[in-house]
Every structure is written in structure tokens, then in C-alpha cells.
Protein backbone atom coordinates (compact mmCIF):
# COMPACT_ATOMS: atom_id res chain seq x y z
CA UNK A 1 148.30 23.29 85.67
CA UNK A 2 146.72 26.25 87.43
CA UNK A 3 143.53 27.96 86.30
CA UNK A 4 143.34 31.76 86.85
CA UNK A 5 140.27 33.95 86.48
CA UNK A 6 140.40 36.49 83.65
CA UNK A 7 140.11 39.95 85.22
CA UNK A 8 138.04 42.62 83.46
CA UNK A 9 139.77 45.58 81.81
CA UNK A 10 137.76 48.76 82.56
CA UNK A 11 138.56 51.96 80.74
CA UNK A 12 136.65 55.12 81.66
CA UNK A 13 135.91 58.33 79.78
CA UNK A 14 133.94 60.99 81.68
CA UNK A 15 132.53 64.45 81.15
CA UNK A 16 132.27 66.19 84.51
CA UNK A 17 130.87 69.64 85.26
CA UNK A 18 131.30 71.53 88.54
CA UNK A 19 128.89 74.41 89.21
CA UNK A 20 130.51 76.45 91.95
CA UNK A 21 128.37 78.64 94.20
CA UNK A 22 128.80 80.42 97.47
CA UNK A 23 126.56 78.01 99.39
CA UNK A 24 126.55 74.90 97.22
CA UNK A 25 128.59 72.98 94.67
CA UNK A 26 126.85 70.74 92.12
CA UNK A 27 128.83 67.97 90.38
CA UNK A 28 127.30 66.39 87.31
CA UNK A 29 129.15 63.54 85.58
CA UNK A 30 128.49 61.34 82.59
CA UNK A 31 130.67 58.25 82.97
CA UNK A 32 131.26 55.95 80.02
CA UNK A 33 132.94 52.69 81.09
CA UNK A 34 134.21 50.23 78.49
CA UNK A 35 134.39 46.73 80.05
CA UNK A 36 136.70 44.37 78.15
CA UNK A 37 137.87 40.74 78.47
CA UNK A 38 135.40 39.79 81.19
CA UNK A 39 132.06 41.03 82.46
CA UNK A 40 131.27 42.79 85.74
CA UNK A 41 128.22 42.73 88.00
CA UNK A 42 128.81 46.08 89.67
CA UNK A 43 131.00 49.18 89.64
CA UNK A 44 132.26 51.16 92.60
CA UNK A 45 132.58 54.98 92.63
CA UNK A 46 134.28 56.74 95.57
CA UNK A 47 132.26 59.68 96.97
CA UNK A 48 134.23 62.84 97.84
CA UNK A 49 134.12 63.94 101.47
CA UNK A 50 131.16 66.16 102.49
CA UNK A 51 129.31 65.39 99.25
CA UNK A 52 125.79 63.95 99.06
CA UNK A 53 124.31 61.81 96.32
CA UNK A 54 121.59 63.67 94.40
CA UNK A 55 120.83 61.32 91.50
CA UNK A 56 122.10 58.15 89.78
CA UNK A 57 120.78 56.81 86.48
CA UNK A 58 121.73 54.55 83.56
CA UNK A 59 120.16 52.00 81.20
CA UNK A 60 122.26 49.08 82.55
CA UNK A 61 121.80 50.14 86.20
CA UNK A 62 119.66 47.88 88.41
CA UNK A 63 120.05 49.68 91.73
CA UNK A 64 122.63 51.47 93.82
CA UNK A 65 123.56 51.86 97.46
CA UNK A 66 126.06 53.81 99.52
CA UNK A 67 128.63 51.96 101.63
CA UNK A 68 131.13 53.20 104.24
CA UNK A 69 134.52 51.52 104.81
CA UNK A 70 136.25 51.08 108.16
CA UNK A 71 138.37 54.17 107.60
CA UNK A 72 135.24 56.30 107.03
CA UNK A 73 135.55 56.64 103.27
CA UNK A 74 132.32 56.30 101.36
CA UNK A 75 131.63 54.77 97.96
CA UNK A 76 128.70 54.40 95.61
CA UNK A 77 127.97 50.77 94.71
CA UNK A 78 126.43 50.66 91.22
CA UNK A 79 124.75 47.27 90.68
CA UNK A 80 124.13 46.33 87.07
CA UNK A 81 121.26 44.27 85.71
CA UNK A 82 123.58 41.30 85.10
CA UNK A 83 127.05 40.37 84.14
CA UNK A 84 127.86 43.17 81.74
CA UNK A 85 130.55 43.47 79.16
CA UNK A 86 131.02 46.28 76.68
CA UNK A 87 129.89 49.92 77.05
CA UNK A 88 128.21 51.10 80.25
CA UNK A 89 126.90 54.69 80.55
CA UNK A 90 126.07 56.14 83.96
CA UNK A 91 124.92 59.62 85.04
CA UNK A 92 125.74 60.73 88.56
CA UNK A 93 124.82 63.94 90.40
CA UNK A 94 126.44 65.02 93.68
CA UNK A 95 126.19 68.16 95.83
CA UNK A 96 128.61 69.57 98.36
CA UNK A 97 129.34 72.66 100.42
CA UNK A 98 129.91 75.93 98.57
CA UNK A 99 133.05 77.97 98.14
CA UNK A 100 132.11 80.38 100.91
CA UNK A 101 135.22 82.27 102.00
CA UNK A 102 137.75 79.70 100.73
CA UNK A 103 140.92 81.12 99.25
CA UNK A 104 142.05 77.80 97.74
CA UNK A 105 139.96 75.10 96.08
CA UNK A 106 140.84 71.62 94.81
CA UNK A 107 137.98 70.13 92.74
CA UNK A 108 137.01 66.50 93.18
CA UNK A 109 137.43 64.34 90.04
CA UNK A 110 135.26 61.22 90.02
CA UNK A 111 137.04 57.97 89.14
CA UNK A 112 135.76 54.38 89.16
CA UNK A 113 137.62 51.98 91.39
CA UNK A 114 139.70 49.41 89.52
CA UNK A 115 139.64 51.30 86.23
CA UNK A 116 142.77 50.64 84.17
CA UNK A 117 142.61 53.97 82.41
CA UNK A 118 140.76 57.18 83.06
CA UNK A 119 140.39 60.23 80.79
CA UNK A 120 137.83 62.89 79.92
CA UNK A 121 137.05 66.52 80.57
CA UNK A 122 136.34 68.66 83.63
CA UNK A 123 134.40 71.94 83.27
CA UNK A 124 134.26 74.46 86.12
CA UNK A 125 131.51 77.11 86.09
CA UNK A 126 131.88 79.57 89.00
CA UNK A 127 128.90 81.78 89.75
CA UNK A 128 129.13 85.54 89.52
CA UNK A 129 131.31 86.90 92.29
CA UNK A 130 134.08 84.29 92.05
CA UNK A 131 137.15 84.06 89.86
CA UNK A 132 139.43 80.97 89.75
CA UNK A 133 143.15 81.13 89.01
CA UNK A 134 144.90 77.72 88.52
CA UNK A 135 148.00 77.35 90.71
CA UNK A 136 148.67 73.60 90.47
CA UNK A 137 147.99 71.29 87.56
CA UNK A 138 148.89 67.60 87.26
CA UNK A 139 147.95 65.40 84.31
CA UNK A 140 145.46 68.02 83.10
CA UNK A 141 145.56 70.43 80.14
CA UNK A 142 143.49 73.59 79.95
CA UNK A 143 141.35 73.85 76.79
CA UNK A 144 139.38 76.53 75.00
CA UNK A 145 135.68 75.85 75.72
CA UNK A 146 134.76 77.00 72.21
CA UNK A 147 136.75 74.11 70.73
CA UNK A 148 134.54 71.69 72.67
CA UNK A 149 131.37 73.43 71.54
CA UNK A 150 130.81 75.17 74.89
CA UNK A 151 130.37 78.80 75.83
CA UNK A 152 133.53 80.62 76.79
CA UNK A 153 131.72 82.90 79.19
CA UNK A 154 132.60 82.20 82.85
CA UNK A 155 133.75 78.64 82.16
CA UNK A 156 137.11 76.85 82.52
CA UNK A 157 137.64 73.54 80.69
CA UNK A 158 140.40 70.98 81.33
CA UNK A 159 141.28 67.69 79.64
CA UNK A 160 141.94 64.88 82.13
CA UNK A 161 144.86 62.75 80.91
CA UNK A 162 144.87 59.91 83.46
CA UNK A 163 143.80 58.83 86.94
CA UNK A 164 146.56 60.97 88.53
CA UNK A 165 144.94 64.26 87.43
CA UNK A 166 144.84 66.96 90.08
CA UNK A 167 143.96 70.65 90.03
CA UNK A 168 144.26 73.44 92.62
CA UNK A 169 142.90 76.99 92.23
CA UNK A 170 143.20 80.29 94.05
CA UNK A 171 139.70 81.65 94.75
CA UNK A 172 139.20 85.39 94.26
CA UNK A 173 136.04 87.17 95.41
CA UNK A 174 134.65 89.77 92.98
CA UNK A 175 132.59 92.64 94.35
CA UNK A 176 129.23 93.34 92.67
CA UNK A 177 128.75 96.43 90.53
CA UNK A 178 125.35 97.98 91.29
CA UNK A 179 123.69 100.72 89.24
CA UNK A 180 120.39 102.30 90.32
CA UNK A 181 117.99 104.54 88.45
CA UNK A 182 115.17 105.92 90.56
CA UNK A 183 112.11 108.15 90.37
CA UNK A 184 110.54 109.60 93.51
CA UNK A 185 107.03 111.05 93.43
CA UNK A 186 106.15 113.38 96.33
CA UNK A 187 102.44 114.25 96.68
CA UNK A 188 101.85 117.06 99.19
CA UNK A 189 98.39 117.60 100.65
CA UNK A 190 97.04 119.27 103.74
CA UNK A 191 98.46 117.51 106.81
CA UNK A 192 100.32 114.73 104.98
CA UNK A 193 103.15 114.09 102.51
CA UNK A 194 102.72 110.88 100.46
CA UNK A 195 105.88 109.51 98.86
CA UNK A 196 106.20 106.74 96.28
CA UNK A 197 109.51 105.68 94.76
CA UNK A 198 110.61 103.16 92.18
CA UNK A 199 114.18 101.81 91.92
CA UNK A 200 115.47 100.02 88.82
CA UNK A 201 118.54 97.98 89.80
CA UNK A 202 121.18 96.54 87.47
CA UNK A 203 123.67 94.19 89.18
CA UNK A 204 126.78 92.88 87.42
CA UNK A 205 129.94 90.90 88.31
CA UNK A 206 128.34 89.32 91.40
CA UNK A 207 124.94 88.87 92.98
CA UNK A 208 123.47 90.63 96.04
CA UNK A 209 121.15 89.20 98.69
CA UNK A 210 120.09 92.44 100.36
CA UNK A 211 120.01 96.18 99.75
CA UNK A 212 120.03 99.08 102.23
CA UNK A 213 118.09 102.35 101.89
CA UNK A 214 118.11 105.69 103.71
CA UNK A 215 114.70 107.30 104.27
CA UNK A 216 113.80 110.70 105.75
CA UNK A 217 113.25 110.89 109.49
CA UNK A 218 109.65 110.57 110.59
CA UNK A 219 108.61 108.25 107.73
CA UNK A 220 105.54 106.17 108.64
CA UNK A 221 103.89 103.20 106.97
CA UNK A 222 107.07 102.16 105.15
CA UNK A 223 106.40 99.44 102.59
CA UNK A 224 108.86 97.83 100.16
CA UNK A 225 107.44 95.70 97.35
CA UNK A 226 108.48 93.96 94.15
CA UNK A 227 108.95 90.46 92.77
CA UNK A 228 112.50 90.31 94.17
CA UNK A 229 111.59 91.56 97.69
CA UNK A 230 111.25 88.97 100.47
CA UNK A 231 111.33 91.10 103.65
CA UNK A 232 112.38 94.49 105.02
CA UNK A 233 113.29 95.82 108.44
CA UNK A 234 114.57 99.01 110.03
CA UNK A 235 118.17 98.73 111.25
CA UNK A 236 118.98 102.21 112.47
CA UNK A 237 117.11 105.46 112.56
CA UNK A 238 115.94 106.15 108.98
CA UNK A 239 117.98 103.22 107.53
CA UNK A 240 116.26 100.09 106.21
CA UNK A 241 117.48 96.74 104.91
CA UNK A 242 115.55 94.93 102.17
CA UNK A 243 116.12 91.16 101.95
CA UNK A 244 115.81 89.71 98.46
CA UNK A 245 114.24 86.38 97.50
CA UNK A 246 117.54 85.04 96.21
CA UNK A 247 120.95 86.19 95.14
CA UNK A 248 119.98 88.69 92.48
CA UNK A 249 122.00 89.34 89.34
CA UNK A 250 120.88 91.50 86.43
CA UNK A 251 117.86 93.80 86.44
CA UNK A 252 115.11 93.93 89.07
CA UNK A 253 112.73 96.52 90.55
CA UNK A 254 112.07 97.63 94.13
CA UNK A 255 109.10 99.89 94.91
CA UNK A 256 108.73 101.98 98.07
CA UNK A 257 105.92 103.96 99.69
CA UNK A 258 105.65 105.89 102.97
CA UNK A 259 103.99 108.94 104.54
CA UNK A 260 105.23 111.90 106.58
CA UNK A 261 102.51 113.62 108.67
CA UNK A 262 102.46 117.43 108.86
CA UNK A 263 99.65 118.15 111.35
CA UNK A 264 100.76 121.74 112.02
CA UNK A 265 100.53 122.52 108.27
CA UNK A 266 103.82 124.45 108.01
CA UNK A 267 104.42 127.11 105.38
CA UNK A 268 107.75 125.48 104.50
CA UNK A 269 108.66 121.84 103.92
CA UNK A 270 111.93 119.99 103.28
CA UNK A 271 111.76 117.10 100.82
CA UNK A 272 114.59 114.56 101.03
CA UNK A 273 115.42 112.12 98.25
CA UNK A 274 115.38 108.43 99.17
CA UNK A 275 118.89 107.01 98.76
CA UNK A 276 120.05 103.48 97.96
CA UNK A 277 123.17 102.87 100.06
CA UNK A 278 126.33 101.07 98.99
CA UNK A 279 125.75 101.27 95.24
CA UNK A 280 128.29 102.25 92.61
CA UNK A 281 126.17 104.57 90.48
CA UNK A 282 122.87 106.30 91.24
CA UNK A 283 120.72 108.74 89.25
CA UNK A 284 117.07 109.57 88.84
CA UNK A 285 114.24 112.07 89.08
CA UNK A 286 112.16 113.86 91.72
CA UNK A 287 108.57 114.94 91.00
CA UNK A 288 106.30 117.20 93.09
CA UNK A 289 102.50 116.89 93.05
CA UNK A 290 100.51 119.52 94.99
CA UNK A 291 97.07 118.35 96.08
CA UNK A 292 94.00 120.37 96.93
CA UNK A 293 94.47 124.14 97.28
CA UNK A 294 98.25 124.04 97.74
CA UNK A 295 100.84 125.80 95.61
CA UNK A 296 104.53 124.79 95.84
CA UNK A 297 107.39 127.24 95.34
CA UNK A 298 110.76 125.35 95.38
CA UNK A 299 113.89 127.09 96.63
CA UNK A 300 116.63 125.73 94.39
CA UNK A 301 120.12 125.94 95.85
CA UNK A 302 123.35 124.52 94.50
CA UNK A 303 123.71 122.17 91.55
CA UNK A 304 122.18 119.00 93.01
CA UNK A 305 118.92 119.45 91.09
CA UNK A 306 118.29 120.22 87.45
CA UNK A 307 114.90 121.13 86.00
CA UNK A 308 113.44 118.48 83.70
CA UNK A 309 110.23 117.44 81.95
CA UNK A 310 107.99 114.47 82.71
CA UNK A 311 108.50 113.20 79.14
CA UNK A 312 112.19 112.64 79.94
CA UNK A 313 111.32 109.85 82.41
CA UNK A 314 111.32 106.51 80.58
CA UNK A 315 108.19 104.37 80.83
CA UNK A 316 110.09 101.39 82.30
CA UNK A 317 111.30 103.68 85.10
CA UNK A 318 108.07 105.50 85.93
CA UNK A 319 105.96 102.33 86.08
CA UNK A 320 102.48 103.25 87.32
CA UNK A 321 103.59 106.55 88.89
CA UNK A 322 101.58 109.48 87.49
CA UNK A 323 104.55 111.71 86.81
CA UNK A 324 102.68 113.60 84.06
CA UNK A 325 100.51 115.22 86.76
CA UNK A 326 103.54 116.72 88.53
CA UNK A 327 103.88 120.49 88.81
CA UNK A 328 107.68 120.28 89.10
CA UNK A 329 110.12 117.66 87.76
CA UNK A 330 113.83 117.63 88.64
CA UNK A 331 116.76 115.42 87.68
CA UNK A 332 118.83 114.29 90.67
CA UNK A 333 122.52 114.91 90.13
CA UNK A 334 123.64 113.65 93.55
CA UNK A 335 122.45 110.70 95.68
CA UNK A 336 121.71 112.75 98.82
CA UNK A 337 119.47 115.65 97.82
CA UNK A 338 117.07 117.78 99.85
CA UNK A 339 114.73 120.46 98.52
CA UNK A 340 113.08 123.25 100.52
CA UNK A 341 109.52 124.15 99.46
CA UNK A 342 107.42 127.20 100.30
CA UNK A 343 103.81 126.06 100.65
CA UNK A 344 101.02 128.50 99.79
CA UNK A 345 97.46 127.65 100.75
CA UNK A 346 94.62 129.21 98.76
CA UNK A 347 91.11 129.81 100.04
CA UNK A 348 88.06 128.28 98.41
CA UNK A 349 86.60 130.50 95.66
CA UNK A 350 82.83 130.93 95.71
CA UNK A 351 81.22 129.07 92.84
CA UNK A 352 79.14 130.89 90.25
CA UNK A 353 75.53 129.77 90.78
CA UNK A 354 74.74 129.71 87.03
CA UNK A 355 76.70 129.50 83.78
CA UNK A 356 76.07 131.47 80.60
CA UNK A 357 76.92 129.40 77.54
CA UNK A 358 76.06 131.74 74.66
CA UNK A 359 75.17 135.43 74.17
CA UNK A 360 73.77 136.91 70.95
CA UNK A 361 73.04 140.64 70.57
CA UNK A 362 71.19 142.06 67.55
CA UNK A 363 70.98 145.90 67.24
CA UNK A 364 69.24 148.18 64.76
CA UNK A 365 70.42 151.83 64.48
CA UNK A 366 68.34 154.70 63.17
CA UNK A 367 69.62 157.71 61.28
CA UNK A 368 69.23 159.88 64.38
CA UNK A 369 71.41 157.56 66.48
CA UNK A 370 68.73 155.64 68.39
CA UNK A 371 69.36 151.92 68.81
CA UNK A 372 67.05 148.98 69.50
CA UNK A 373 68.80 145.83 70.84
CA UNK A 374 67.62 142.24 71.31
CA UNK A 375 69.67 140.07 73.72
CA UNK A 376 69.34 136.25 73.60
CA UNK A 377 71.04 134.14 76.33
CA UNK A 378 71.54 130.39 76.64
CA UNK A 379 72.38 129.53 80.27
CA UNK A 380 72.40 126.76 82.82
CA UNK A 381 70.44 128.32 85.71
CA UNK A 382 71.72 126.03 88.45
CA UNK A 383 70.47 127.43 91.76
CA UNK A 384 70.11 131.00 90.48
CA UNK A 385 66.53 132.29 90.40
CA UNK A 386 66.97 136.03 89.70
CA UNK A 387 68.96 137.51 86.81
CA UNK A 388 70.18 141.07 87.36
CA UNK A 389 70.50 143.24 84.24
CA UNK A 390 72.20 146.64 84.15
CA UNK A 391 71.41 148.56 80.94
CA UNK A 392 73.66 151.21 79.34
CA UNK A 393 73.03 154.87 80.17
CA UNK A 394 69.95 156.50 78.55
CA UNK A 395 68.41 153.08 77.89
CA UNK A 396 64.88 151.83 78.48
CA UNK A 397 63.89 148.20 79.11
CA UNK A 398 61.00 147.05 76.91
CA UNK A 399 60.09 143.46 77.73
CA UNK A 400 61.62 140.01 78.32
CA UNK A 401 60.96 136.28 77.79
CA UNK A 402 62.12 133.19 79.75
CA UNK A 403 61.78 129.95 77.79
CA UNK A 404 59.52 131.76 75.27
CA UNK A 405 57.20 132.84 78.11
CA UNK A 406 56.68 136.51 78.94
CA UNK A 407 58.48 137.48 82.18
CA UNK A 408 57.38 140.37 84.39
CA UNK A 409 60.44 142.39 85.48
CA UNK A 410 61.27 143.83 88.88
CA UNK A 411 63.09 147.08 89.27
CA UNK A 412 65.81 147.73 91.82
CA UNK A 413 67.19 151.18 91.31
CA UNK A 414 68.40 151.34 87.70
CA UNK A 415 68.71 147.53 87.45
CA UNK A 416 66.15 145.17 86.02
CA UNK A 417 65.53 141.72 87.63
CA UNK A 418 64.15 138.77 85.66
CA UNK A 419 62.96 135.63 87.45
CA UNK A 420 64.49 132.38 86.15
CA UNK A 421 62.93 128.94 86.22
CA UNK A 422 64.58 125.54 86.46
CA UNK A 423 64.16 123.68 83.19
CA UNK A 424 61.83 120.68 83.37
CA UNK A 425 64.35 118.62 81.36
CA UNK A 426 67.41 117.73 83.47
CA UNK A 427 70.61 119.20 82.04
CA UNK A 428 68.79 121.37 79.47
CA UNK A 429 69.60 125.10 79.15
CA UNK A 430 67.23 128.01 79.79
CA UNK A 431 66.63 130.62 77.06
CA UNK A 432 66.35 134.27 78.16
CA UNK A 433 65.48 137.07 75.73
CA UNK A 434 64.96 140.76 76.45
CA UNK A 435 64.73 143.98 74.44
CA UNK A 436 65.87 147.50 75.30
CA UNK A 437 66.32 150.79 73.45
CA UNK A 438 68.98 153.47 73.74
CA UNK A 439 68.09 157.08 72.95
CA UNK A 440 71.29 157.96 71.10
CA UNK A 441 74.63 156.30 70.60
CA UNK A 442 76.17 159.08 68.48
CA UNK A 443 78.62 161.22 70.43
CA UNK A 444 79.29 163.87 67.78
CA UNK A 445 76.80 164.34 64.95
CA UNK A 446 79.41 166.12 62.82
CA UNK A 447 81.52 163.00 62.29
CA UNK A 448 78.81 160.47 63.23
CA UNK A 449 81.05 158.81 65.83
CA UNK A 450 79.03 156.20 67.74
CA UNK A 451 79.71 154.56 71.09
CA UNK A 452 78.01 151.17 71.48
CA UNK A 453 77.53 149.82 75.00
CA UNK A 454 76.11 146.38 75.79
CA UNK A 455 74.16 145.39 78.92
CA UNK A 456 75.87 144.01 82.06
CA UNK A 457 74.71 140.86 83.88
CA UNK A 458 75.65 139.52 87.29
CA UNK A 459 77.21 136.44 85.59
CA UNK A 460 80.37 136.07 83.50
CA UNK A 461 79.53 136.00 79.78
CA UNK A 462 80.96 133.63 77.14
CA UNK A 463 80.68 133.21 73.36
CA UNK A 464 79.41 136.75 72.68
CA UNK A 465 78.35 137.76 69.16
CA UNK A 466 76.89 141.15 68.21
CA UNK A 467 75.17 141.78 64.93
CA UNK A 468 74.59 145.42 63.86
């Protein structure tokens, strides 16, 4: 008689997922091994070429190590806690080189050595920018991901029938679709043009790692900022490249600021819109903010600009830009737009030394046409110390009061001068009252037509009321 060892019967069911990226491929597998007839102390899993082991776990797993055969092939030795029979569940994570510029791709399907039967599923999830078309399929059936309770979006699912399963795909690169909405705020002051811009990007189909911009010549202090911005540098004259933190897909914001000096203070300026290069669709707004004593007169030519209102700019686009202070707002209808401005500089207007807040006149008329008038003023004297009063023709000044105190008038020709005093209470107004009489205000006694003339002061008057 001859005694033979009973060999174990290992049957494997696995759920494997391949996440395919440009720089890296991640392989996650849940392996369920059913050990029948006899127990095993360890399991061996071949490692695909150029792949590294990221993680290995399982309740029955004691430890693992990587071994290399004489022919250079590598395998993962999975040591169990003891002689094990029945169900064994293991989770393995591997990483390998990305798709890069490959035009053909054959995914690696993990299989335990010595397994009598292998089945399961393989899911492939390419990142945005790649599309897989199956060209060769052996012992594998394509499935609808929804039937397996998975999302259909950007996923391909195959059922693995046996250990001979093999798949080959054609790899197609998909170009990104980039839309940009921008708002550019141009603040013009004496000797300098300050520009701030905000770009709202929306990237679809594939991700982007960098974005190029075209700025006006002579731009100084160029700064790009935003959560997605990692670095920026000038490539050519007036062209800049912004490097992003990662491969960006979806919505993100890039902010820009720079200055253009104008030391000669020209009477005409050309404002150029900042342009995002290499995008599919671009729109936005341009706002002009004159500072100081400048007035801007745009010279609109062509159909590249359309007049707009600040309220038309959405809040998520304007950000912290103060577009409501702009004197001119335009909608950009083309990416490359320039606007010529005539710059007018106004001189400083001399300030009024005092301010009259309220004027009340009370007049009494007699039957013969004579008129007696009381004038009461509320004013902030400021630095003014002499109030000049010019009375109507044929009028006589009687007397005046400043803060209820009698004031002695000076005469200068036909004008009357009253001395003002600064109020002892800071910010309080000064009260001025004076009386005058007019000999006759009736022009024609036959129809009793009267002509009423008030006094003139050397300050602008406000809030005038006249009681007769």
C-alpha cells in the first residue's frame, strides 16, 4: 500500500478595482479563497511587473513577505496564523506606473498560485482624460455596472470566468474642455494703473496641471493667487504660466494683480484685457475706476465691448472686487480686447471756509410798500471770521447779533461786515441774526406790484425759508 497526501482544493472569488491615472495605477482587490479537503499554512500571490505592494490585510493573516524567483518574477507570500481550512478573506493593494502616453493597455488580474478555480469581477475606472475601448477579451464578459450596484459613470465592469481571463484595451486621450468667466477691474490714478482680475474656471472631460495667461506689456508686480495656484513664472514677453497644485477638474478660481506705471501722466491710455490662453470658451467684464481728480472718457470702437451695469456681475464672479464703485462697466465679447481712454485731470477746487445750514427770513410789509426783514442764519463758521452781507438796493442795515450777542458792524462800500466767533462747543453751529429795512418794494402803485429782494452773502445758502 502507498499513502498519498491529500492536496488542498482552493477556489478563489475576487473583486478587483483598477483606478487608472496618468502617473499612477492603483489596484485594490478583495480575495476570498475557499480552502477544501485539506488546510494550508500560506498562500502565494504573483505580483505584476513594475507594481509595488501598498497594503495587505486579513483576519487570518499572520504576516507577509515578498520573494523573488530565479527568473526575476516576484510573489507575495501570505502566511496564515495556522493551518487553515475553509474561507479566507484577504485585502491587497498594489500601485504601478500610470497610463502616460500608452496607446494599448492590458490590465493585470491577480490570481493565487495553485488555485483550482478562479472567478470574480474586474472594474476599471479611468480618470478624466482617458477613454478605454476593449479590443481583446478572453474568458471575460462585460457587465452593466448598475446591475452590480455600482455607478455607471466612467466605469467599465467585467466578469472573470476563469484563470485564463485576459483583456486588452485601446487607450484614447481626451482633451480637456475649459470655460473661463473673468472680471477685470482697472483703477487709474495719477502715475499708476492698478489692475485686479478674477478668473472662474470650469474644466470638464480631463484635468489640467497648468494654465497660461497673456498680460499687457510693462506689467509690474505680477501676482497670481488662489487655492489651486502653486507657482507662476514668465515664459515669454507678456505671457505667464501658472502651475496648479494638482490636476484640476471642475471649478476653481485664479486671482491676478499687477501695476502699470505711467510717470509721464499721458492724456490717453490703452487698457488691454487679460486673456487666458488655450481655453475653449471665454467671457467676462471690464470695469474702470478713476481715482483722485481724473475723469475717463472711453473711445468705443467695433463690437468687442458692450456697455453693462455692475449689477449684472454675479457675486461669485466679482469676489471682493469693488465693481459697484466703477464709473464704466463693459461686457467683453472677444478674448483679446483693448480700450482707448481719454484722461482728463481736474484742478483742486478751493474749499468754502464755512457752511450755511439753514436760512430763515421774516418780512413785514407796510401799506406804503416799506419792508422790515429779519434774517436768521445757522452756520458752521470753520475758519471764517468775517461775514460779508450785501443788502438789496434802497435798504438800510439796522443791527445784528452773533450767538445772541450784539455785533458791531463794519462798512466796506455798500457791504456790511459782521465778525464771527468760533463756538466754544466743538461741532456746534453759530447763530447769526440781523435786521434791515427797505424803503419801498412796490414798483407800480397802480397795480401794487411788489419786487422782493433778499440779501446776498459771500457763502452759498441752503434750506431757505421766507415768511411774509
